[in-house]
PDB file of N, CA and C in Angstrom:
ATOM      1  N   MET A   1      42.750  23.904   8.725  1.00  0.00           N
ATOM      2  CA  MET A   1      41.426  23.468   9.100  1.00  0.00           C
ATOM      3  C   MET A   1      41.328  21.974   8.795  1.00  0.00           C
ATOM      4  N   THR A   2      40.800  21.192   9.736  1.00  0.00           N
ATOM      5  CA  THR A   2      40.560  19.774   9.504  1.00  0.00           C
ATOM      6  C   THR A   2      39.071  19.505   9.639  1.00  0.00           C
ATOM      7  N   ILE A   3      38.581  18.534   8.896  1.00  0.00           N
ATOM      8  CA  ILE A   3      37.160  18.168   8.961  1.00  0.00           C
ATOM      9  C   ILE A   3      37.078  16.710   9.399  1.00  0.00           C
ATOM     10  N   THR A   4      36.358  16.479  10.494  1.00  0.00           N
ATOM     11  CA  THR A   4      36.144  15.130  10.990  1.00  0.00           C
ATOM     12  C   THR A   4      34.660  14.835  10.877  1.00  0.00           C
ATOM     13  N   ILE A   5      34.310  13.730  10.210  1.00  0.00           N
ATOM     14  CA  ILE A   5      32.897  13.388  10.046  1.00  0.00           C
ATOM     15  C   ILE A   5      32.601  12.155  10.886  1.00  0.00           C
ATOM     16  N   THR A   6      31.659  12.314  11.795  1.00  0.00           N
ATOM     17  CA  THR A   6      31.178  11.179  12.574  1.00  0.00           C
ATOM     18  C   THR A   6      29.764  10.875  12.098  1.00  0.00           C
ATOM     19  N   GLU A   7      29.088   9.977  12.788  1.00  0.00           N
ATOM     20  CA  GLU A   7      27.776   9.534  12.325  1.00  0.00           C
ATOM     21  C   GLU A   7      26.788  10.681  12.151  1.00  0.00           C
ATOM     22  N   HIS A   8      26.703  11.582  13.105  1.00  0.00           N
ATOM     23  CA  HIS A   8      25.705  12.638  13.025  1.00  0.00           C
ATOM     24  C   HIS A   8      26.271  14.041  13.204  1.00  0.00           C
ATOM     25  N   THR A   9      27.546  14.159  13.497  1.00  0.00           N
ATOM     26  CA  THR A   9      28.102  15.479  13.753  1.00  0.00           C
ATOM     27  C   THR A   9      29.323  15.692  12.878  1.00  0.00           C
ATOM     28  N   ILE A  10      29.395  16.859  12.301  1.00  0.00           N
ATOM     29  CA  ILE A  10      30.585  17.255  11.554  1.00  0.00           C
ATOM     30  C   ILE A  10      31.287  18.294  12.413  1.00  0.00           C
ATOM     31  N   ARG A  11      32.552  18.053  12.713  1.00  0.00           N
ATOM     32  CA  ARG A  11      33.291  18.987  13.554  1.00  0.00           C
ATOM     33  C   ARG A  11      34.318  19.691  12.677  1.00  0.00           C
ATOM     34  N   LEU A  12      34.229  20.992  12.672  1.00  0.00           N
ATOM     35  CA  LEU A  12      35.209  21.808  11.964  1.00  0.00           C
ATOM     36  C   LEU A  12      36.169  22.338  13.023  1.00  0.00           C
ATOM     37  N   ALA A  13      37.394  21.904  12.939  1.00  0.00           N
ATOM     38  CA  ALA A  13      38.377  22.343  13.921  1.00  0.00           C
ATOM     39  C   ALA A  13      39.266  23.395  13.273  1.00  0.00           C
ATOM     40  N   THR A  14      39.317  24.543  13.902  1.00  0.00           N
ATOM     41  CA  THR A  14      40.191  25.600  13.400  1.00  0.00           C
ATOM     42  C   THR A  14      41.238  25.879  14.456  1.00  0.00           C
ATOM     43  N   THR A  15      42.343  26.362  14.037  1.00  0.00           N
ATOM     44  CA  THR A  15      43.399  26.715  14.972  1.00  0.00           C
ATOM     45  C   THR A  15      43.207  28.181  15.343  1.00  0.00           C
ATOM     46  N   PRO A  16      42.922  28.458  16.602  1.00  0.00           N
ATOM     47  CA  PRO A  16      42.707  29.861  16.971  1.00  0.00           C
ATOM     48  C   PRO A  16      44.024  30.645  16.928  1.00  0.00           C
ATOM     49  N   SER A  17      43.903  31.917  16.518  1.00  0.00           N
ATOM     50  CA  SER A  17      45.099  32.739  16.459  1.00  0.00           C
ATOM     51  C   SER A  17      45.552  33.135  17.861  1.00  0.00           C
ATOM     52  N   SER A  18      44.589  33.333  18.774  1.00  0.00           N
ATOM     53  CA  SER A  18      44.946  33.571  20.165  1.00  0.00           C
ATOM     54  C   SER A  18      43.832  33.019  21.040  1.00  0.00           C
ATOM     55  N   PRO A  19      44.091  32.641  22.258  1.00  0.00           N
ATOM     56  CA  PRO A  19      43.081  32.005  23.107  1.00  0.00           C
ATOM     57  C   PRO A  19      41.895  32.897  23.416  1.00  0.00           C
ATOM     58  N   ASP A  20      41.989  34.215  23.308  1.00  0.00           N
ATOM     59  CA  ASP A  20      40.908  35.109  23.704  1.00  0.00           C
ATOM     60  C   ASP A  20      40.090  35.622  22.521  1.00  0.00           C
ATOM     61  N   ASP A  21      40.350  35.190  21.288  1.00  0.00           N
ATOM     62  CA  ASP A  21      39.646  35.800  20.160  1.00  0.00           C
ATOM     63  C   ASP A  21      38.293  35.143  19.860  1.00  0.00           C
ATOM     64  N   GLY A  22      37.879  34.088  20.579  1.00  0.00           N
ATOM     65  CA  GLY A  22      36.550  33.504  20.422  1.00  0.00           C
ATOM     66  C   GLY A  22      36.466  32.471  19.312  1.00  0.00           C
ATOM     67  N   GLU A  23      37.554  32.296  18.567  1.00  0.00           N
ATOM     68  CA  GLU A  23      37.502  31.283  17.513  1.00  0.00           C
ATOM     69  C   GLU A  23      37.876  29.941  18.111  1.00  0.00           C
ATOM     70  N   GLY A  24      37.420  28.863  17.487  1.00  0.00           N
ATOM     71  CA  GLY A  24      37.735  27.534  17.996  1.00  0.00           C
ATOM     72  C   GLY A  24      36.936  26.499  17.232  1.00  0.00           C
ATOM     73  N   ASP A  25      36.589  25.445  17.926  1.00  0.00           N
ATOM     74  CA  ASP A  25      35.843  24.364  17.285  1.00  0.00           C
ATOM     75  C   ASP A  25      34.396  24.793  17.046  1.00  0.00           C
ATOM     76  N   ALA A  26      33.841  24.344  15.906  1.00  0.00           N
ATOM     77  CA  ALA A  26      32.440  24.620  15.596  1.00  0.00           C
ATOM     78  C   ALA A  26      31.776  23.286  15.257  1.00  0.00           C
ATOM     79  N   ASP A  27      30.615  23.006  15.824  1.00  0.00           N
ATOM     80  CA  ASP A  27      29.879  21.775  15.539  1.00  0.00           C
ATOM     81  C   ASP A  27      28.735  22.079  14.582  1.00  0.00           C
ATOM     82  N   VAL A  28      28.571  21.209  13.610  1.00  0.00           N
ATOM     83  CA  VAL A  28      27.440  21.298  12.692  1.00  0.00           C
ATOM     84  C   VAL A  28      26.718  19.963  12.788  1.00  0.00           C
ATOM     85  N   VAL A  29      25.475  19.969  13.184  1.00  0.00           N
ATOM     86  CA  VAL A  29      24.704  18.742  13.327  1.00  0.00           C
ATOM     87  C   VAL A  29      23.980  18.477  12.019  1.00  0.00           C
ATOM     88  N   VAL A  30      24.165  17.283  11.509  1.00  0.00           N
ATOM     89  CA  VAL A  30      23.519  16.886  10.261  1.00  0.00           C
ATOM     90  C   VAL A  30      22.478  15.830  10.609  1.00  0.00           C
ATOM     91  N   GLN A  31      21.236  16.109  10.271  1.00  0.00           N
ATOM     92  CA  GLN A  31      20.183  15.138  10.552  1.00  0.00           C
ATOM     93  C   GLN A  31      20.105  14.142   9.405  1.00  0.00           C
ATOM     94  N   THR A  32      20.037  12.869   9.773  1.00  0.00           N
ATOM     95  CA  THR A  32      19.906  11.843   8.746  1.00  0.00           C
ATOM     96  C   THR A  32      18.440  11.483   8.604  1.00  0.00           C
ATOM     97  N   LYS A  33      18.041  11.226   7.366  1.00  0.00           N
ATOM     98  CA  LYS A  33      16.655  10.843   7.108  1.00  0.00           C
ATOM     99  C   LYS A  33      16.500   9.347   7.335  1.00  0.00           C
ATOM    100  N   PRO A  34      15.485   8.962   8.094  1.00  0.00           N
ATOM    101  CA  PRO A  34      15.267   7.517   8.236  1.00  0.00           C
ATOM    102  C   PRO A  34      14.780   6.947   6.900  1.00  0.00           C
ATOM    103  N   LYS A  35      15.270   5.775   6.573  1.00  0.00           N
ATOM    104  CA  LYS A  35      14.838   5.156   5.324  1.00  0.00           C
ATOM    105  C   LYS A  35      13.523   4.440   5.578  1.00  0.00           C
ATOM    106  N   THR A  36      12.536   4.765   4.776  1.00  0.00           N
ATOM    107  CA  THR A  36      11.230   4.136   4.933  1.00  0.00           C
ATOM    108  C   THR A  36      10.971   3.205   3.762  1.00  0.00           C
ATOM    109  N   LYS A  37      10.349   2.085   4.075  1.00  0.00           N
ATOM    110  CA  LYS A  37       9.976   1.142   3.035  1.00  0.00           C
ATOM    111  C   LYS A  37       8.500   1.327   2.726  1.00  0.00           C
ATOM    112  N   ARG A  38       8.155   1.114   1.473  1.00  0.00           N
ATOM    113  CA  ARG A  38       6.746   1.145   1.108  1.00  0.00           C
ATOM    114  C   ARG A  38       6.063  -0.058   1.743  1.00  0.00           C
ATOM    115  N   PRO A  39       4.823   0.133   2.216  1.00  0.00           N
ATOM    116  CA  PRO A  39       4.123  -1.017   2.797  1.00  0.00           C
ATOM    117  C   PRO A  39       3.818  -2.038   1.705  1.00  0.00           C
ATOM    118  N   PRO A  40       3.772  -3.308   2.065  1.00  0.00           N
ATOM    119  CA  PRO A  40       3.468  -4.324   1.056  1.00  0.00           C
ATOM    120  C   PRO A  40       2.045  -4.155   0.531  1.00  0.00           C
ATOM    121  N   LEU A  41       1.847  -4.525  -0.706  1.00  0.00           N
ATOM    122  CA  LEU A  41       0.525  -4.429  -1.316  1.00  0.00           C
ATOM    123  C   LEU A  41      -0.118  -5.807  -1.366  1.00  0.00           C
ATOM    124  N   TYR A  42      -1.440  -5.794  -1.408  1.00  0.00           N
ATOM    125  CA  TYR A  42      -2.212  -7.036  -1.408  1.00  0.00           C
ATOM    126  C   TYR A  42      -3.193  -7.035  -2.565  1.00  0.00           C
ATOM    127  N   LYS A  43      -3.276  -8.183  -3.234  1.00  0.00           N
ATOM    128  CA  LYS A  43      -4.227  -8.358  -4.326  1.00  0.00           C
ATOM    129  C   LYS A  43      -5.546  -8.817  -3.721  1.00  0.00           C
ATOM    130  N   VAL A  44      -6.631  -8.217  -4.178  1.00  0.00           N
ATOM    131  CA  VAL A  44      -7.963  -8.671  -3.796  1.00  0.00           C
ATOM    132  C   VAL A  44      -8.462  -9.538  -4.939  1.00  0.00           C
ATOM    133  N   LEU A  45      -8.866 -10.762  -4.595  1.00  0.00           N
ATOM    134  CA  LEU A  45      -9.270 -11.749  -5.593  1.00  0.00           C
ATOM    135  C   LEU A  45     -10.747 -12.084  -5.436  1.00  0.00           C
ATOM    136  N   LEU A  46     -11.417 -12.231  -6.553  1.00  0.00           N
ATOM    137  CA  LEU A  46     -12.806 -12.668  -6.579  1.00  0.00           C
ATOM    138  C   LEU A  46     -12.810 -14.086  -7.131  1.00  0.00           C
ATOM    139  N   LEU A  47     -13.509 -14.993  -6.440  1.00  0.00           N
ATOM    140  CA  LEU A  47     -13.519 -16.399  -6.821  1.00  0.00           C
ATOM    141  C   LEU A  47     -14.854 -16.777  -7.453  1.00  0.00           C
ATOM    142  N   ASN A  48     -14.785 -17.646  -8.433  1.00  0.00           N
ATOM    143  CA  ASN A  48     -15.984 -18.094  -9.126  1.00  0.00           C
ATOM    144  C   ASN A  48     -16.746 -19.123  -8.296  1.00  0.00           C
ATOM    145  N   ASP A  49     -18.057 -19.124  -8.461  1.00  0.00           N
ATOM    146  CA  ASP A  49     -18.901 -20.199  -7.929  1.00  0.00           C
ATOM    147  C   ASP A  49     -20.018 -20.419  -8.946  1.00  0.00           C
ATOM    148  N   ASP A  50     -20.754 -21.483  -8.768  1.00  0.00           N
ATOM    149  CA  ASP A  50     -21.796 -21.829  -9.747  1.00  0.00           C
ATOM    150  C   ASP A  50     -23.160 -21.253  -9.404  1.00  0.00           C
ATOM    151  N   TYR A  51     -23.242 -20.425  -8.368  1.00  0.00           N
ATOM    152  CA  TYR A  51     -24.554 -19.980  -7.911  1.00  0.00           C
ATOM    153  C   TYR A  51     -24.770 -18.474  -7.936  1.00  0.00           C
ATOM    154  N   THR A  52     -23.739 -17.699  -7.754  1.00  0.00           N
ATOM    155  CA  THR A  52     -23.890 -16.244  -7.727  1.00  0.00           C
ATOM    156  C   THR A  52     -24.168 -15.740  -9.136  1.00  0.00           C
ATOM    157  N   PRO A  53     -25.255 -14.978  -9.323  1.00  0.00           N
ATOM    158  CA  PRO A  53     -25.583 -14.466 -10.657  1.00  0.00           C
ATOM    159  C   PRO A  53     -24.505 -13.501 -11.170  1.00  0.00           C
ATOM    160  N   MET A  54     -24.267 -13.543 -12.452  1.00  0.00           N
ATOM    161  CA  MET A  54     -23.266 -12.673 -13.074  1.00  0.00           C
ATOM    162  C   MET A  54     -23.594 -11.203 -12.848  1.00  0.00           C
ATOM    163  N   GLU A  55     -24.855 -10.862 -12.873  1.00  0.00           N
ATOM    164  CA  GLU A  55     -25.272  -9.461 -12.678  1.00  0.00           C
ATOM    165  C   GLU A  55     -24.881  -8.975 -11.282  1.00  0.00           C
ATOM    166  N   PHE A  56     -24.975  -9.878 -10.294  1.00  0.00           N
ATOM    167  CA  PHE A  56     -24.605  -9.519  -8.932  1.00  0.00           C
ATOM    168  C   PHE A  56     -23.109  -9.237  -8.843  1.00  0.00           C
ATOM    169  N   VAL A  57     -22.308 -10.062  -9.495  1.00  0.00           N
ATOM    170  CA  VAL A  57     -20.852  -9.867  -9.497  1.00  0.00           C
ATOM    171  C   VAL A  57     -20.510  -8.528 -10.148  1.00  0.00           C
ATOM    172  N   VAL A  58     -21.158  -8.203 -11.262  1.00  0.00           N
ATOM    173  CA  VAL A  58     -20.932  -6.912 -11.926  1.00  0.00           C
ATOM    174  C   VAL A  58     -21.287  -5.780 -10.969  1.00  0.00           C
ATOM    175  N   HIS A  59     -22.404  -5.912 -10.272  1.00  0.00           N
ATOM    176  CA  HIS A  59     -22.825  -4.881  -9.319  1.00  0.00           C
ATOM    177  C   HIS A  59     -21.793  -4.700  -8.200  1.00  0.00           C
ATOM    178  N   VAL A  60     -21.265  -5.802  -7.676  1.00  0.00           N
ATOM    179  CA  VAL A  60     -20.247  -5.759  -6.624  1.00  0.00           C
ATOM    180  C   VAL A  60     -19.008  -5.011  -7.121  1.00  0.00           C
ATOM    181  N   LEU A  61     -18.573  -5.328  -8.322  1.00  0.00           N
ATOM    182  CA  LEU A  61     -17.376  -4.684  -8.876  1.00  0.00           C
ATOM    183  C   LEU A  61     -17.584  -3.182  -9.093  1.00  0.00           C
ATOM    184  N   GLU A  62     -18.758  -2.810  -9.531  1.00  0.00           N
ATOM    185  CA  GLU A  62     -19.056  -1.383  -9.724  1.00  0.00           C
ATOM    186  C   GLU A  62     -19.125  -0.666  -8.378  1.00  0.00           C
ATOM    187  N   ARG A  63     -19.790  -1.285  -7.431  1.00  0.00           N
ATOM    188  CA  ARG A  63     -20.034  -0.641  -6.135  1.00  0.00           C
ATOM    189  C   ARG A  63     -18.789  -0.548  -5.249  1.00  0.00           C
ATOM    190  N   PHE A  64     -18.051  -1.638  -5.114  1.00  0.00           N
ATOM    191  CA  PHE A  64     -16.946  -1.673  -4.149  1.00  0.00           C
ATOM    192  C   PHE A  64     -15.570  -1.406  -4.762  1.00  0.00           C
ATOM    193  N   PHE A  65     -15.473  -1.486  -6.080  1.00  0.00           N
ATOM    194  CA  PHE A  65     -14.173  -1.277  -6.718  1.00  0.00           C
ATOM    195  C   PHE A  65     -14.209  -0.150  -7.747  1.00  0.00           C
ATOM    196  N   SER A  66     -15.295   0.600  -7.757  1.00  0.00           N
ATOM    197  CA  SER A  66     -15.457   1.796  -8.604  1.00  0.00           C
ATOM    198  C   SER A  66     -15.135   1.530 -10.073  1.00  0.00           C
ATOM    199  N   MET A  67     -15.583   0.401 -10.567  1.00  0.00           N
ATOM    200  CA  MET A  67     -15.354   0.071 -11.977  1.00  0.00           C
ATOM    201  C   MET A  67     -16.531   0.545 -12.807  1.00  0.00           C
ATOM    202  N   SER A  68     -16.248   0.854 -14.058  1.00  0.00           N
ATOM    203  CA  SER A  68     -17.332   1.158 -14.995  1.00  0.00           C
ATOM    204  C   SER A  68     -18.064  -0.149 -15.287  1.00  0.00           C
ATOM    205  N   HIS A  69     -19.223  -0.043 -15.896  1.00  0.00           N
ATOM    206  CA  HIS A  69     -19.987  -1.252 -16.220  1.00  0.00           C
ATOM    207  C   HIS A  69     -19.187  -2.157 -17.159  1.00  0.00           C
ATOM    208  N   ALA A  70     -18.521  -1.564 -18.135  1.00  0.00           N
ATOM    209  CA  ALA A  70     -17.742  -2.352 -19.106  1.00  0.00           C
ATOM    210  C   ALA A  70     -16.572  -3.062 -18.413  1.00  0.00           C
ATOM    211  N   GLN A  71     -15.860  -2.367 -17.530  1.00  0.00           N
ATOM    212  CA  GLN A  71     -14.745  -2.980 -16.801  1.00  0.00           C
ATOM    213  C   GLN A  71     -15.242  -4.117 -15.911  1.00  0.00           C
ATOM    214  N   ALA A  72     -16.336  -3.859 -15.198  1.00  0.00           N
ATOM    215  CA  ALA A  72     -16.891  -4.855 -14.286  1.00  0.00           C
ATOM    216  C   ALA A  72     -17.349  -6.096 -15.065  1.00  0.00           C
ATOM    217  N   PHE A  73     -17.928  -5.886 -16.225  1.00  0.00           N
ATOM    218  CA  PHE A  73     -18.390  -7.006 -17.045  1.00  0.00           C
ATOM    219  C   PHE A  73     -17.204  -7.849 -17.508  1.00  0.00           C
ATOM    220  N   GLU A  74     -16.125  -7.195 -17.920  1.00  0.00           N
ATOM    221  CA  GLU A  74     -14.920  -7.924 -18.353  1.00  0.00           C
ATOM    222  C   GLU A  74     -14.326  -8.760 -17.218  1.00  0.00           C
ATOM    223  N   ILE A  75     -14.207  -8.161 -16.047  1.00  0.00           N
ATOM    224  CA  ILE A  75     -13.651  -8.874 -14.892  1.00  0.00           C
ATOM    225  C   ILE A  75     -14.564 -10.033 -14.505  1.00  0.00           C
ATOM    226  N   MET A  76     -15.875  -9.805 -14.525  1.00  0.00           N
ATOM    227  CA  MET A  76     -16.823 -10.876 -14.206  1.00  0.00           C
ATOM    228  C   MET A  76     -16.630 -12.054 -15.151  1.00  0.00           C
ATOM    229  N   LEU A  77     -16.433 -11.784 -16.432  1.00  0.00           N
ATOM    230  CA  LEU A  77     -16.207 -12.863 -17.405  1.00  0.00           C
ATOM    231  C   LEU A  77     -14.896 -13.597 -17.123  1.00  0.00           C
ATOM    232  N   THR A  78     -13.876 -12.861 -16.714  1.00  0.00           N
ATOM    233  CA  THR A  78     -12.600 -13.490 -16.351  1.00  0.00           C
ATOM    234  C   THR A  78     -12.784 -14.416 -15.155  1.00  0.00           C
ATOM    235  N   VAL A  79     -13.514 -13.952 -14.150  1.00  0.00           N
ATOM    236  CA  VAL A  79     -13.794 -14.785 -12.973  1.00  0.00           C
ATOM    237  C   VAL A  79     -14.559 -16.030 -13.407  1.00  0.00           C
ATOM    238  N   HIS A  80     -15.548 -15.840 -14.260  1.00  0.00           N
ATOM    239  CA  HIS A  80     -16.390 -16.951 -14.715  1.00  0.00           C
ATOM    240  C   HIS A  80     -15.581 -17.984 -15.504  1.00  0.00           C
ATOM    241  N   LYS A  81     -14.710 -17.516 -16.388  1.00  0.00           N
ATOM    242  CA  LYS A  81     -13.953 -18.421 -17.265  1.00  0.00           C
ATOM    243  C   LYS A  81     -12.733 -19.036 -16.593  1.00  0.00           C
ATOM    244  N   LYS A  82     -12.005 -18.234 -15.807  1.00  0.00           N
ATOM    245  CA  LYS A  82     -10.743 -18.705 -15.216  1.00  0.00           C
ATOM    246  C   LYS A  82     -10.878 -19.153 -13.764  1.00  0.00           C
ATOM    247  N   GLY A  83     -11.996 -18.818 -13.143  1.00  0.00           N
ATOM    248  CA  GLY A  83     -12.216 -19.231 -11.759  1.00  0.00           C
ATOM    249  C   GLY A  83     -11.780 -18.223 -10.721  1.00  0.00           C
ATOM    250  N   VAL A  84     -10.969 -17.263 -11.119  1.00  0.00           N
ATOM    251  CA  VAL A  84     -10.478 -16.247 -10.191  1.00  0.00           C
ATOM    252  C   VAL A  84      -9.976 -15.048 -10.996  1.00  0.00           C
ATOM    253  N   ALA A  85     -10.040 -13.861 -10.399  1.00  0.00           N
ATOM    254  CA  ALA A  85      -9.484 -12.665 -11.032  1.00  0.00           C
ATOM    255  C   ALA A  85      -9.076 -11.670  -9.960  1.00  0.00           C
ATOM    256  N   VAL A  86      -8.015 -10.947 -10.252  1.00  0.00           N
ATOM    257  CA  VAL A  86      -7.581  -9.856  -9.374  1.00  0.00           C
ATOM    258  C   VAL A  86      -8.489  -8.664  -9.679  1.00  0.00           C
ATOM    259  N   VAL A  87      -9.119  -8.134  -8.639  1.00  0.00           N
ATOM    260  CA  VAL A  87     -10.029  -7.006  -8.840  1.00  0.00           C
ATOM    261  C   VAL A  87      -9.448  -5.692  -8.313  1.00  0.00           C
ATOM    262  N   GLY A  88      -8.276  -5.759  -7.687  1.00  0.00           N
ATOM    263  CA  GLY A  88      -7.620  -4.549  -7.218  1.00  0.00           C
ATOM    264  C   GLY A  88      -6.388  -4.891  -6.396  1.00  0.00           C
ATOM    265  N   VAL A  89      -5.514  -3.910  -6.253  1.00  0.00           N
ATOM    266  CA  VAL A  89      -4.300  -4.052  -5.439  1.00  0.00           C
ATOM    267  C   VAL A  89      -4.272  -2.869  -4.480  1.00  0.00           C
ATOM    268  N   PHE A  90      -4.165  -3.184  -3.177  1.00  0.00           N
ATOM    269  CA  PHE A  90      -4.304  -2.162  -2.147  1.00  0.00           C
ATOM    270  C   PHE A  90      -3.339  -2.421  -0.997  1.00  0.00           C
ATOM    271  N   SER A  91      -3.255  -1.449  -0.085  1.00  0.00           N
ATOM    272  CA  SER A  91      -2.533  -1.671   1.167  1.00  0.00           C
ATOM    273  C   SER A  91      -3.314  -2.720   1.968  1.00  0.00           C
ATOM    274  N   HIS A  92      -2.686  -3.273   2.982  1.00  0.00           N
ATOM    275  CA  HIS A  92      -3.316  -4.342   3.760  1.00  0.00           C
ATOM    276  C   HIS A  92      -4.675  -3.931   4.323  1.00  0.00           C
ATOM    277  N   GLU A  93      -4.742  -2.765   4.936  1.00  0.00           N
ATOM    278  CA  GLU A  93      -5.978  -2.326   5.593  1.00  0.00           C
ATOM    279  C   GLU A  93      -7.107  -2.137   4.593  1.00  0.00           C
ATOM    280  N   ILE A  94      -6.793  -1.535   3.452  1.00  0.00           N
ATOM    281  CA  ILE A  94      -7.834  -1.296   2.448  1.00  0.00           C
ATOM    282  C   ILE A  94      -8.280  -2.614   1.832  1.00  0.00           C
ATOM    283  N   ALA A  95      -7.333  -3.494   1.525  1.00  0.00           N
ATOM    284  CA  ALA A  95      -7.682  -4.807   0.961  1.00  0.00           C
ATOM    285  C   ALA A  95      -8.577  -5.577   1.931  1.00  0.00           C
ATOM    286  N   GLU A  96      -8.222  -5.556   3.198  1.00  0.00           N
ATOM    287  CA  GLU A  96      -9.009  -6.246   4.215  1.00  0.00           C
ATOM    288  C   GLU A  96     -10.428  -5.690   4.293  1.00  0.00           C
ATOM    289  N   THR A  97     -10.540  -4.377   4.218  1.00  0.00           N
ATOM    290  CA  THR A  97     -11.850  -3.730   4.253  1.00  0.00           C
ATOM    291  C   THR A  97     -12.686  -4.122   3.040  1.00  0.00           C
ATOM    292  N   LYS A  98     -12.072  -4.092   1.854  1.00  0.00           N
ATOM    293  CA  LYS A  98     -12.789  -4.455   0.620  1.00  0.00           C
ATOM    294  C   LYS A  98     -13.292  -5.895   0.694  1.00  0.00           C
ATOM    295  N   VAL A  99     -12.442  -6.815   1.134  1.00  0.00           N
ATOM    296  CA  VAL A  99     -12.836  -8.227   1.250  1.00  0.00           C
ATOM    297  C   VAL A  99     -14.029  -8.349   2.198  1.00  0.00           C
ATOM    298  N   GLY A 100     -13.953  -7.680   3.336  1.00  0.00           N
ATOM    299  CA  GLY A 100     -15.050  -7.722   4.305  1.00  0.00           C
ATOM    300  C   GLY A 100     -16.340  -7.162   3.746  1.00  0.00           C
ATOM    301  N   GLN A 101     -16.248  -6.049   3.031  1.00  0.00           N
ATOM    302  CA  GLN A 101     -17.445  -5.433   2.443  1.00  0.00           C
ATOM    303  C   GLN A 101     -18.107  -6.370   1.435  1.00  0.00           C
ATOM    304  N   VAL A 102     -17.295  -6.964   0.564  1.00  0.00           N
ATOM    305  CA  VAL A 102     -17.837  -7.859  -0.461  1.00  0.00           C
ATOM    306  C   VAL A 102     -18.477  -9.085   0.185  1.00  0.00           C
ATOM    307  N   MET A 103     -17.785  -9.677   1.151  1.00  0.00           N
ATOM    308  CA  MET A 103     -18.308 -10.874   1.806  1.00  0.00           C
ATOM    309  C   MET A 103     -19.617 -10.585   2.558  1.00  0.00           C
ATOM    310  N   ASP A 104     -19.669  -9.463   3.263  1.00  0.00           N
ATOM    311  CA  ASP A 104     -20.896  -9.082   3.985  1.00  0.00           C
ATOM    312  C   ASP A 104     -22.046  -8.833   3.018  1.00  0.00           C
ATOM    313  N   PHE A 105     -21.755  -8.115   1.943  1.00  0.00           N
ATOM    314  CA  PHE A 105     -22.785  -7.786   0.950  1.00  0.00           C
ATOM    315  C   PHE A 105     -23.328  -9.064   0.307  1.00  0.00           C
ATOM    316  N   ALA A 106     -22.442  -9.982  -0.042  1.00  0.00           N
ATOM    317  CA  ALA A 106     -22.867 -11.248  -0.657  1.00  0.00           C
ATOM    318  C   ALA A 106     -23.715 -12.062   0.329  1.00  0.00           C
ATOM    319  N   ARG A 107     -23.283 -12.108   1.577  1.00  0.00           N
ATOM    320  CA  ARG A 107     -24.028 -12.855   2.590  1.00  0.00           C
ATOM    321  C   ARG A 107     -25.427 -12.276   2.800  1.00  0.00           C
ATOM    322  N   ARG A 108     -25.488 -10.939   2.863  1.00  0.00           N
ATOM    323  CA  ARG A 108     -26.794 -10.285   3.059  1.00  0.00           C
ATOM    324  C   ARG A 108     -27.747 -10.565   1.904  1.00  0.00           C
ATOM    325  N   HIS A 109     -27.185 -10.773   0.714  1.00  0.00           N
ATOM    326  CA  HIS A 109     -28.016 -11.062  -0.459  1.00  0.00           C
ATOM    327  C   HIS A 109     -28.098 -12.564  -0.748  1.00  0.00           C
ATOM    328  N   GLN A 110     -27.636 -13.349   0.212  1.00  0.00           N
ATOM    329  CA  GLN A 110     -27.705 -14.808   0.177  1.00  0.00           C
ATOM    330  C   GLN A 110     -27.013 -15.415  -1.049  1.00  0.00           C
ATOM    331  N   HIS A 111     -25.821 -14.891  -1.342  1.00  0.00           N
ATOM    332  CA  HIS A 111     -25.007 -15.437  -2.425  1.00  0.00           C
ATOM    333  C   HIS A 111     -23.712 -15.980  -1.826  1.00  0.00           C
ATOM    334  N   PRO A 112     -23.197 -17.075  -2.378  1.00  0.00           N
ATOM    335  CA  PRO A 112     -21.967 -17.672  -1.842  1.00  0.00           C
ATOM    336  C   PRO A 112     -20.675 -17.073  -2.418  1.00  0.00           C
ATOM    337  N   LEU A 113     -20.755 -15.901  -2.990  1.00  0.00           N
ATOM    338  CA  LEU A 113     -19.591 -15.255  -3.593  1.00  0.00           C
ATOM    339  C   LEU A 113     -18.448 -15.170  -2.586  1.00  0.00           C
ATOM    340  N   GLN A 114     -17.246 -15.523  -3.022  1.00  0.00           N
ATOM    341  CA  GLN A 114     -16.071 -15.485  -2.160  1.00  0.00           C
ATOM    342  C   GLN A 114     -15.071 -14.445  -2.670  1.00  0.00           C
ATOM    343  N   CYS A 115     -14.516 -13.733  -1.722  1.00  0.00           N
ATOM    344  CA  CYS A 115     -13.513 -12.716  -2.012  1.00  0.00           C
ATOM    345  C   CYS A 115     -12.386 -12.931  -1.016  1.00  0.00           C
ATOM    346  N   THR A 116     -11.152 -12.848  -1.488  1.00  0.00           N
ATOM    347  CA  THR A 116     -10.015 -13.073  -0.607  1.00  0.00           C
ATOM    348  C   THR A 116      -8.889 -12.119  -0.989  1.00  0.00           C
ATOM    349  N   MET A 117      -7.809 -12.159  -0.222  1.00  0.00           N
ATOM    350  CA  MET A 117      -6.665 -11.312  -0.518  1.00  0.00           C
ATOM    351  C   MET A 117      -5.383 -12.091  -0.324  1.00  0.00           C
ATOM    352  N   GLU A 118      -4.355 -11.696  -1.055  1.00  0.00           N
ATOM    353  CA  GLU A 118      -3.031 -12.314  -0.873  1.00  0.00           C
ATOM    354  C   GLU A 118      -1.963 -11.272  -1.155  1.00  0.00           C
ATOM    355  N   LYS A 119      -0.836 -11.466  -0.511  1.00  0.00           N
ATOM    356  CA  LYS A 119       0.281 -10.533  -0.674  1.00  0.00           C
ATOM    357  C   LYS A 119       0.770 -10.565  -2.123  1.00  0.00           C
ATOM    358  N   GLU A 120       1.061  -9.383  -2.639  1.00  0.00           N
ATOM    359  CA  GLU A 120       1.496  -9.295  -4.037  1.00  0.00           C
ATOM    360  C   GLU A 120       2.906  -9.792  -4.206  1.00  0.00           C
TER     361      GLU A 120
END
C-alpha cells in the first residue's frame, strides 16, 4: 500500500488481487480550514476641552460605555488631567457607532466634547 498526499486529496493505492474483485484505488477528501484573522480593534478616545462640564462627561461614560459612576468619574478625571483617555476598545463598526453616538449627544446638548477612534 502506498500513500500519496496532495493538497486536498489523500489517495490510498492498493494492489488488487484480481481485476474483478472490486478493490483498487480509494480517495479520501480532506477539507482544509481557512485561516481567519481576528479583525483589528480600535480604541475610542475622549478628548478634553475647557467647556464641557465634568458631570456631562461622567453621564456620557455611564450611558454609552456602561461604566459605573466610580469608573466614569475616574476616566473623566484622566481626561481632565491628561487631555485624553481611552474609554473602550472595540471592533471598527462598534467603535464608529460609539464615536457617533457621543458626538451627536454632545452636539444636541450644545457641548464641544470630542470623541475619536484610532487603530490599536
